[in-house]
């Protein structure tokens, strides 16, 4: 699965779906080493497109997690996680 969320508000993003993880105005980006990235829905500020046009989760700590999926799929997972429902996108 590319994206999966749990009833506790945790979103799992498969490593192969990630285009970029960065923090603007910092010298280095984060590296993903084959493990899923785990996001807490309470730390997601908003979901939108970044300046490059990629679907991006904007986080409270300033990180931007750009993913290679459709906006509607990311929005579905975010809404499910906020509502405390389990869901997944293949």
PDB file of N, CA and C in Angstrom:
ATOM      1  N   UNK A   1       0.829  -1.186   0.000  1.00  0.00           N
ATOM      2  CA  UNK A   1       0.000   0.000   0.000  1.00  0.00           C
ATOM      3  C   UNK A   1       0.874   1.252   0.000  1.00  0.00           C
ATOM      4  N   UNK A   2       0.458   2.237  -0.786  1.00  0.00           N
ATOM      5  CA  UNK A   2       1.202   3.497  -0.834  1.00  0.00           C
ATOM      6  C   UNK A   2       0.972   4.317   0.426  1.00  0.00           C
ATOM      7  N   UNK A   3      -0.286   4.398   0.848  1.00  0.00           N
ATOM      8  CA  UNK A   3      -0.669   5.137   2.048  1.00  0.00           C
ATOM      9  C   UNK A   3      -1.611   4.278   2.869  1.00  0.00           C
ATOM     10  N   UNK A   4      -1.466   4.365   4.174  1.00  0.00           N
ATOM     11  CA  UNK A   4      -2.348   3.630   5.072  1.00  0.00           C
ATOM     12  C   UNK A   4      -2.523   4.476   6.327  1.00  0.00           C
ATOM     13  N   UNK A   5      -3.730   4.463   6.895  1.00  0.00           N
ATOM     14  CA  UNK A   5      -3.934   5.173   8.153  1.00  0.00           C
ATOM     15  C   UNK A   5      -4.616   4.239   9.145  1.00  0.00           C
ATOM     16  N   UNK A   6      -4.397   4.513  10.414  1.00  0.00           N
ATOM     17  CA  UNK A   6      -4.981   3.708  11.477  1.00  0.00           C
ATOM     18  C   UNK A   6      -6.061   4.506  12.195  1.00  0.00           C
ATOM     19  N   UNK A   7      -6.802   3.828  13.034  1.00  0.00           N
ATOM     20  CA  UNK A   7      -7.877   4.485  13.781  1.00  0.00           C
ATOM     21  C   UNK A   7      -7.328   5.436  14.848  1.00  0.00           C
ATOM     22  N   UNK A   8      -6.038   5.361  15.132  1.00  0.00           N
ATOM     23  CA  UNK A   8      -5.424   6.249  16.121  1.00  0.00           C
ATOM     24  C   UNK A   8      -4.851   7.525  15.497  1.00  0.00           C
ATOM     25  N   UNK A   9      -5.039   7.700  14.173  1.00  0.00           N
ATOM     26  CA  UNK A   9      -4.576   8.918  13.515  1.00  0.00           C
ATOM     27  C   UNK A   9      -3.148   8.868  13.025  1.00  0.00           C
ATOM     28  N   UNK A  10      -2.622   7.679  12.799  1.00  0.00           N
ATOM     29  CA  UNK A  10      -1.264   7.525  12.275  1.00  0.00           C
ATOM     30  C   UNK A  10      -1.351   7.236  10.779  1.00  0.00           C
ATOM     31  N   UNK A  11      -0.559   7.947   9.986  1.00  0.00           N
ATOM     32  CA  UNK A  11      -0.506   7.742   8.539  1.00  0.00           C
ATOM     33  C   UNK A  11       0.850   7.134   8.193  1.00  0.00           C
ATOM     34  N   UNK A  12       0.821   5.998   7.489  1.00  0.00           N
ATOM     35  CA  UNK A  12       2.042   5.352   7.007  1.00  0.00           C
ATOM     36  C   UNK A  12       2.189   5.670   5.526  1.00  0.00           C
ATOM     37  N   UNK A  13       3.357   6.196   5.139  1.00  0.00           N
ATOM     38  CA  UNK A  13       3.644   6.524   3.744  1.00  0.00           C
ATOM     39  C   UNK A  13       4.753   5.586   3.286  1.00  0.00           C
ATOM     40  N   UNK A  14       4.459   4.780   2.253  1.00  0.00           N
ATOM     41  CA  UNK A  14       5.459   3.842   1.733  1.00  0.00           C
ATOM     42  C   UNK A  14       6.645   4.608   1.153  1.00  0.00           C
ATOM     43  N   UNK A  15       7.823   4.119   1.393  1.00  0.00           N
ATOM     44  CA  UNK A  15       9.058   4.794   0.999  1.00  0.00           C
ATOM     45  C   UNK A  15       9.122   5.047  -0.494  1.00  0.00           C
ATOM     46  N   UNK A  16       8.618   4.141  -1.308  1.00  0.00           N
ATOM     47  CA  UNK A  16       8.691   4.321  -2.765  1.00  0.00           C
ATOM     48  C   UNK A  16       7.752   5.406  -3.270  1.00  0.00           C
ATOM     49  N   UNK A  17       6.798   5.833  -2.458  1.00  0.00           N
ATOM     50  CA  UNK A  17       5.873   6.899  -2.854  1.00  0.00           C
ATOM     51  C   UNK A  17       6.421   8.290  -2.555  1.00  0.00           C
ATOM     52  N   UNK A  18       7.497   8.364  -1.797  1.00  0.00           N
ATOM     53  CA  UNK A  18       8.040   9.655  -1.375  1.00  0.00           C
ATOM     54  C   UNK A  18       8.953  10.226  -2.447  1.00  0.00           C
ATOM     55  N   UNK A  19       8.665  11.443  -2.836  1.00  0.00           N
ATOM     56  CA  UNK A  19       9.518  12.149  -3.789  1.00  0.00           C
ATOM     57  C   UNK A  19      10.620  12.880  -3.051  1.00  0.00           C
ATOM     58  N   UNK A  20      10.233  13.547  -1.950  1.00  0.00           N
ATOM     59  CA  UNK A  20      11.175  14.422  -1.271  1.00  0.00           C
ATOM     60  C   UNK A  20      10.692  14.693   0.148  1.00  0.00           C
ATOM     61  N   UNK A  21      11.620  14.733   1.070  1.00  0.00           N
ATOM     62  CA  UNK A  21      11.347  15.211   2.429  1.00  0.00           C
ATOM     63  C   UNK A  21      12.347  16.325   2.683  1.00  0.00           C
ATOM     64  N   UNK A  22      11.823  17.506   2.942  1.00  0.00           N
ATOM     65  CA  UNK A  22      12.744  18.614   3.157  1.00  0.00           C
ATOM     66  C   UNK A  22      12.168  19.593   4.167  1.00  0.00           C
ATOM     67  N   UNK A  23      13.044  20.377   4.663  1.00  0.00           N
ATOM     68  CA  UNK A  23      12.672  21.477   5.545  1.00  0.00           C
ATOM     69  C   UNK A  23      13.188  22.743   4.884  1.00  0.00           C
ATOM     70  N   UNK A  24      12.280  23.600   4.433  1.00  0.00           N
ATOM     71  CA  UNK A  24      12.734  24.819   3.749  1.00  0.00           C
ATOM     72  C   UNK A  24      13.698  25.623   4.619  1.00  0.00           C
ATOM     73  N   UNK A  25      14.614  26.270   3.971  1.00  0.00           N
ATOM     74  CA  UNK A  25      15.621  27.113   4.621  1.00  0.00           C
ATOM     75  C   UNK A  25      16.606  26.324   5.478  1.00  0.00           C
ATOM     76  N   UNK A  26      16.724  25.026   5.215  1.00  0.00           N
ATOM     77  CA  UNK A  26      17.750  24.253   5.911  1.00  0.00           C
ATOM     78  C   UNK A  26      18.746  23.744   4.869  1.00  0.00           C
ATOM     79  N   UNK A  27      19.916  23.392   5.308  1.00  0.00           N
ATOM     80  CA  UNK A  27      20.975  22.985   4.388  1.00  0.00           C
ATOM     81  C   UNK A  27      20.837  21.560   3.893  1.00  0.00           C
ATOM     82  N   UNK A  28      20.146  20.728   4.646  1.00  0.00           N
ATOM     83  CA  UNK A  28      20.063  19.333   4.250  1.00  0.00           C
ATOM     84  C   UNK A  28      18.637  18.829   4.369  1.00  0.00           C
ATOM     85  N   UNK A  29      18.325  17.817   3.573  1.00  0.00           N
ATOM     86  CA  UNK A  29      17.019  17.176   3.645  1.00  0.00           C
ATOM     87  C   UNK A  29      17.127  15.900   4.461  1.00  0.00           C
ATOM     88  N   UNK A  30      15.996  15.323   4.775  1.00  0.00           N
ATOM     89  CA  UNK A  30      15.989  14.054   5.496  1.00  0.00           C
ATOM     90  C   UNK A  30      16.110  12.921   4.485  1.00  0.00           C
ATOM     91  N   UNK A  31      16.681  11.814   4.907  1.00  0.00           N
ATOM     92  CA  UNK A  31      16.823  10.658   4.034  1.00  0.00           C
ATOM     93  C   UNK A  31      15.906   9.557   4.518  1.00  0.00           C
ATOM     94  N   UNK A  32      15.331   8.838   3.564  1.00  0.00           N
ATOM     95  CA  UNK A  32      14.466   7.714   3.877  1.00  0.00           C
ATOM     96  C   UNK A  32      15.205   6.460   3.460  1.00  0.00           C
ATOM     97  N   UNK A  33      15.378   5.543   4.393  1.00  0.00           N
ATOM     98  CA  UNK A  33      16.206   4.373   4.138  1.00  0.00           C
ATOM     99  C   UNK A  33      15.376   3.095   4.022  1.00  0.00           C
ATOM    100  N   UNK A  34      14.348   3.116   3.191  1.00  0.00           N
ATOM    101  CA  UNK A  34      13.578   1.918   2.926  1.00  0.00           C
ATOM    102  C   UNK A  34      12.460   1.618   3.907  1.00  0.00           C
ATOM    103  N   UNK A  35      12.324   2.384   4.933  1.00  0.00           N
ATOM    104  CA  UNK A  35      11.265   2.186   5.926  1.00  0.00           C
ATOM    105  C   UNK A  35      10.113   3.137   5.618  1.00  0.00           C
ATOM    106  N   UNK A  36       8.881   2.758   6.002  1.00  0.00           N
ATOM    107  CA  UNK A  36       7.766   3.705   5.819  1.00  0.00           C
ATOM    108  C   UNK A  36       7.948   4.935   6.704  1.00  0.00           C
ATOM    109  N   UNK A  37       7.470   6.061   6.220  1.00  0.00           N
ATOM    110  CA  UNK A  37       7.466   7.279   7.022  1.00  0.00           C
ATOM    111  C   UNK A  37       6.154   7.307   7.790  1.00  0.00           C
ATOM    112  N   UNK A  38       6.232   7.575   9.080  1.00  0.00           N
ATOM    113  CA  UNK A  38       5.060   7.566   9.947  1.00  0.00           C
ATOM    114  C   UNK A  38       4.725   8.997  10.324  1.00  0.00           C
ATOM    115  N   UNK A  39       3.487   9.400  10.038  1.00  0.00           N
ATOM    116  CA  UNK A  39       3.026  10.750  10.342  1.00  0.00           C
ATOM    117  C   UNK A  39       1.888  10.683  11.348  1.00  0.00           C
ATOM    118  N   UNK A  40       1.893  11.576  12.305  1.00  0.00           N
ATOM    119  CA  UNK A  40       0.770  11.730  13.218  1.00  0.00           C
ATOM    120  C   UNK A  40      -0.131  12.797  12.618  1.00  0.00           C
ATOM    121  N   UNK A  41      -1.401  12.456  12.437  1.00  0.00           N
ATOM    122  CA  UNK A  41      -2.323  13.385  11.783  1.00  0.00           C
ATOM    123  C   UNK A  41      -2.435  14.704  12.545  1.00  0.00           C
ATOM    124  N   UNK A  42      -2.184  14.692  13.841  1.00  0.00           N
ATOM    125  CA  UNK A  42      -2.250  15.922  14.630  1.00  0.00           C
ATOM    126  C   UNK A  42      -1.116  16.888  14.306  1.00  0.00           C
ATOM    127  N   UNK A  43      -0.061  16.410  13.646  1.00  0.00           N
ATOM    128  CA  UNK A  43       1.070  17.258  13.281  1.00  0.00           C
ATOM    129  C   UNK A  43       1.012  17.754  11.843  1.00  0.00           C
ATOM    130  N   UNK A  44       0.007  17.319  11.082  1.00  0.00           N
ATOM    131  CA  UNK A  44      -0.153  17.790   9.713  1.00  0.00           C
ATOM    132  C   UNK A  44      -0.883  19.131   9.754  1.00  0.00           C
ATOM    133  N   UNK A  45      -0.248  20.173   9.238  1.00  0.00           N
ATOM    134  CA  UNK A  45      -0.856  21.495   9.225  1.00  0.00           C
ATOM    135  C   UNK A  45      -1.850  21.579   8.069  1.00  0.00           C
ATOM    136  N   UNK A  46      -1.394  21.202   6.871  1.00  0.00           N
ATOM    137  CA  UNK A  46      -2.309  21.152   5.737  1.00  0.00           C
ATOM    138  C   UNK A  46      -1.721  20.303   4.627  1.00  0.00           C
ATOM    139  N   UNK A  47      -2.579  19.951   3.688  1.00  0.00           N
ATOM    140  CA  UNK A  47      -2.205  19.159   2.523  1.00  0.00           C
ATOM    141  C   UNK A  47      -2.424  20.022   1.298  1.00  0.00           C
ATOM    142  N   UNK A  48      -1.412  20.136   0.458  1.00  0.00           N
ATOM    143  CA  UNK A  48      -1.531  20.968  -0.736  1.00  0.00           C
ATOM    144  C   UNK A  48      -0.454  20.552  -1.728  1.00  0.00           C
ATOM    145  N   UNK A  49      -0.247  21.370  -2.732  1.00  0.00           N
ATOM    146  CA  UNK A  49       0.852  21.175  -3.679  1.00  0.00           C
ATOM    147  C   UNK A  49       1.984  22.131  -3.303  1.00  0.00           C
ATOM    148  N   UNK A  50       3.221  21.660  -3.421  1.00  0.00           N
ATOM    149  CA  UNK A  50       4.357  22.543  -3.141  1.00  0.00           C
ATOM    150  C   UNK A  50       4.684  23.370  -4.376  1.00  0.00           C
ATOM    151  N   UNK A  51       5.747  24.128  -4.328  1.00  0.00           N
ATOM    152  CA  UNK A  51       6.114  25.008  -5.441  1.00  0.00           C
ATOM    153  C   UNK A  51       6.513  24.238  -6.702  1.00  0.00           C
ATOM    154  N   UNK A  52       6.852  22.952  -6.556  1.00  0.00           N
ATOM    155  CA  UNK A  52       7.185  22.110  -7.708  1.00  0.00           C
ATOM    156  C   UNK A  52       5.953  21.408  -8.277  1.00  0.00           C
ATOM    157  N   UNK A  53       4.797  21.553  -7.623  1.00  0.00           N
ATOM    158  CA  UNK A  53       3.568  20.945  -8.108  1.00  0.00           C
ATOM    159  C   UNK A  53       3.274  19.558  -7.561  1.00  0.00           C
ATOM    160  N   UNK A  54       4.074  19.083  -6.590  1.00  0.00           N
ATOM    161  CA  UNK A  54       3.862  17.757  -6.007  1.00  0.00           C
ATOM    162  C   UNK A  54       2.901  17.841  -4.821  1.00  0.00           C
ATOM    163  N   UNK A  55       2.113  16.775  -4.635  1.00  0.00           N
ATOM    164  CA  UNK A  55       1.229  16.681  -3.475  1.00  0.00           C
ATOM    165  C   UNK A  55       2.113  16.611  -2.235  1.00  0.00           C
ATOM    166  N   UNK A  56       1.852  17.461  -1.241  1.00  0.00           N
ATOM    167  CA  UNK A  56       2.758  17.608  -0.106  1.00  0.00           C
ATOM    168  C   UNK A  56       1.999  17.735   1.198  1.00  0.00           C
ATOM    169  N   UNK A  57       2.456  16.965   2.200  1.00  0.00           N
ATOM    170  CA  UNK A  57       1.996  17.158   3.578  1.00  0.00           C
ATOM    171  C   UNK A  57       2.901  18.216   4.201  1.00  0.00           C
ATOM    172  N   UNK A  58       2.332  19.299   4.685  1.00  0.00           N
ATOM    173  CA  UNK A  58       3.088  20.336   5.371  1.00  0.00           C
ATOM    174  C   UNK A  58       2.918  20.086   6.870  1.00  0.00           C
ATOM    175  N   UNK A  59       4.029  19.914   7.593  1.00  0.00           N
ATOM    176  CA  UNK A  59       4.003  19.513   8.991  1.00  0.00           C
ATOM    177  C   UNK A  59       4.250  20.701   9.928  1.00  0.00           C
ATOM    178  N   UNK A  60       3.837  20.537  11.190  1.00  0.00           N
ATOM    179  CA  UNK A  60       4.032  21.589  12.203  1.00  0.00           C
ATOM    180  C   UNK A  60       5.495  21.932  12.416  1.00  0.00           C
ATOM    181  N   UNK A  61       6.373  20.934  12.320  1.00  0.00           N
ATOM    182  CA  UNK A  61       7.788  21.171  12.582  1.00  0.00           C
ATOM    183  C   UNK A  61       8.525  21.776  11.389  1.00  0.00           C
ATOM    184  N   UNK A  62       7.786  22.126  10.317  1.00  0.00           N
ATOM    185  CA  UNK A  62       8.395  22.783   9.168  1.00  0.00           C
ATOM    186  C   UNK A  62       8.757  21.855   8.024  1.00  0.00           C
ATOM    187  N   UNK A  63       8.692  20.546   8.224  1.00  0.00           N
ATOM    188  CA  UNK A  63       9.035  19.618   7.155  1.00  0.00           C
ATOM    189  C   UNK A  63       7.934  19.575   6.113  1.00  0.00           C
ATOM    190  N   UNK A  64       8.339  19.351   4.882  1.00  0.00           N
ATOM    191  CA  UNK A  64       7.431  19.139   3.769  1.00  0.00           C
ATOM    192  C   UNK A  64       7.698  17.737   3.234  1.00  0.00           C
ATOM    193  N   UNK A  65       6.658  16.915   3.176  1.00  0.00           N
ATOM    194  CA  UNK A  65       6.799  15.544   2.695  1.00  0.00           C
ATOM    195  C   UNK A  65       6.026  15.439   1.388  1.00  0.00           C
ATOM    196  N   UNK A  66       6.762  15.445   0.275  1.00  0.00           N
ATOM    197  CA  UNK A  66       6.163  15.387  -1.052  1.00  0.00           C
ATOM    198  C   UNK A  66       6.034  13.928  -1.475  1.00  0.00           C
ATOM    199  N   UNK A  67       4.855  13.582  -1.992  1.00  0.00           N
ATOM    200  CA  UNK A  67       4.586  12.194  -2.348  1.00  0.00           C
ATOM    201  C   UNK A  67       4.064  12.099  -3.772  1.00  0.00           C
ATOM    202  N   UNK A  68       4.252  10.933  -4.367  1.00  0.00           N
ATOM    203  CA  UNK A  68       3.879  10.688  -5.751  1.00  0.00           C
ATOM    204  C   UNK A  68       2.545   9.947  -5.806  1.00  0.00           C
ATOM    205  N   UNK A  69       1.475  10.627  -5.422  1.00  0.00           N
ATOM    206  CA  UNK A  69       0.126  10.084  -5.528  1.00  0.00           C
ATOM    207  C   UNK A  69      -0.810  11.218  -5.921  1.00  0.00           C
ATOM    208  N   UNK A  70      -2.041  10.867  -6.238  1.00  0.00           N
ATOM    209  CA  UNK A  70      -3.032  11.886  -6.579  1.00  0.00           C
ATOM    210  C   UNK A  70      -3.467  12.620  -5.322  1.00  0.00           C
ATOM    211  N   UNK A  71      -3.816  13.901  -5.492  1.00  0.00           N
ATOM    212  CA  UNK A  71      -4.252  14.716  -4.367  1.00  0.00           C
ATOM    213  C   UNK A  71      -5.487  14.109  -3.699  1.00  0.00           C
ATOM    214  N   UNK A  72      -6.422  13.596  -4.484  1.00  0.00           N
ATOM    215  CA  UNK A  72      -7.656  13.027  -3.933  1.00  0.00           C
ATOM    216  C   UNK A  72      -7.376  11.827  -3.032  1.00  0.00           C
ATOM    217  N   UNK A  73      -6.359  11.033  -3.370  1.00  0.00           N
ATOM    218  CA  UNK A  73      -5.996   9.882  -2.536  1.00  0.00           C
ATOM    219  C   UNK A  73      -5.396  10.337  -1.209  1.00  0.00           C
ATOM    220  N   UNK A  74      -4.515  11.320  -1.259  1.00  0.00           N
ATOM    221  CA  UNK A  74      -3.915  11.839  -0.025  1.00  0.00           C
ATOM    222  C   UNK A  74      -4.976  12.489   0.845  1.00  0.00           C
ATOM    223  N   UNK A  75      -5.893  13.202   0.214  1.00  0.00           N
ATOM    224  CA  UNK A  75      -6.978  13.858   0.955  1.00  0.00           C
ATOM    225  C   UNK A  75      -7.880  12.819   1.623  1.00  0.00           C
ATOM    226  N   UNK A  76      -8.166  11.729   0.919  1.00  0.00           N
ATOM    227  CA  UNK A  76      -8.990  10.650   1.485  1.00  0.00           C
ATOM    228  C   UNK A  76      -8.343  10.057   2.727  1.00  0.00           C
ATOM    229  N   UNK A  77      -7.036   9.799   2.667  1.00  0.00           N
ATOM    230  CA  UNK A  77      -6.315   9.231   3.815  1.00  0.00           C
ATOM    231  C   UNK A  77      -6.292  10.226   4.970  1.00  0.00           C
ATOM    232  N   UNK A  78      -6.055  11.499   4.685  1.00  0.00           N
ATOM    233  CA  UNK A  78      -6.007  12.518   5.728  1.00  0.00           C
ATOM    234  C   UNK A  78      -7.359  12.633   6.432  1.00  0.00           C
ATOM    235  N   UNK A  79      -8.436  12.664   5.676  1.00  0.00           N
ATOM    236  CA  UNK A  79      -9.772  12.757   6.259  1.00  0.00           C
ATOM    237  C   UNK A  79     -10.094  11.519   7.086  1.00  0.00           C
ATOM    238  N   UNK A  80      -9.709  10.352   6.601  1.00  0.00           N
ATOM    239  CA  UNK A  80      -9.932   9.112   7.355  1.00  0.00           C
ATOM    240  C   UNK A  80      -9.150   9.115   8.663  1.00  0.00           C
ATOM    241  N   UNK A  81      -7.898   9.579   8.608  1.00  0.00           N
ATOM    242  CA  UNK A  81      -7.066   9.617   9.820  1.00  0.00           C
ATOM    243  C   UNK A  81      -7.633  10.601  10.836  1.00  0.00           C
ATOM    244  N   UNK A  82      -8.108  11.747  10.370  1.00  0.00           N
ATOM    245  CA  UNK A  82      -8.709  12.731  11.276  1.00  0.00           C
ATOM    246  C   UNK A  82      -9.972  12.160  11.912  1.00  0.00           C
ATOM    247  N   UNK A  83     -10.750  11.411  11.122  1.00  0.00           N
ATOM    248  CA  UNK A  83     -11.987  10.818  11.617  1.00  0.00           C
ATOM    249  C   UNK A  83     -11.806   9.552  12.420  1.00  0.00           C
ATOM    250  N   UNK A  84     -10.575   9.069  12.539  1.00  0.00           N
ATOM    251  CA  UNK A  84     -10.314   7.864  13.323  1.00  0.00           C
ATOM    252  C   UNK A  84     -10.741   6.579  12.641  1.00  0.00           C
ATOM    253  N   UNK A  85     -10.677   6.556  11.309  1.00  0.00           N
ATOM    254  CA  UNK A  85     -11.048   5.382  10.545  1.00  0.00           C
ATOM    255  C   UNK A  85      -9.808   4.768   9.904  1.00  0.00           C
ATOM    256  N   UNK A  86      -9.826   3.462   9.744  1.00  0.00           N
ATOM    257  CA  UNK A  86      -8.735   2.784   9.026  1.00  0.00           C
ATOM    258  C   UNK A  86      -9.018   2.833   7.549  1.00  0.00           C
ATOM    259  N   UNK A  87      -7.979   3.086   6.754  1.00  0.00           N
ATOM    260  CA  UNK A  87      -8.124   3.185   5.306  1.00  0.00           C
ATOM    261  C   UNK A  87      -6.775   2.912   4.665  1.00  0.00           C
ATOM    262  N   UNK A  88      -6.776   2.649   3.377  1.00  0.00           N
ATOM    263  CA  UNK A  88      -5.530   2.418   2.675  1.00  0.00           C
ATOM    264  C   UNK A  88      -5.668   2.698   1.194  1.00  0.00           C
ATOM    265  N   UNK A  89      -4.593   3.100   0.562  1.00  0.00           N
ATOM    266  CA  UNK A  89      -4.527   3.358  -0.882  1.00  0.00           C
ATOM    267  C   UNK A  89      -3.478   2.420  -1.446  1.00  0.00           C
ATOM    268  N   UNK A  90      -3.870   1.609  -2.418  1.00  0.00           N
ATOM    269  CA  UNK A  90      -2.933   0.641  -3.016  1.00  0.00           C
ATOM    270  C   UNK A  90      -2.123   1.294  -4.094  1.00  0.00           C
TER     271      UNK A  90
END
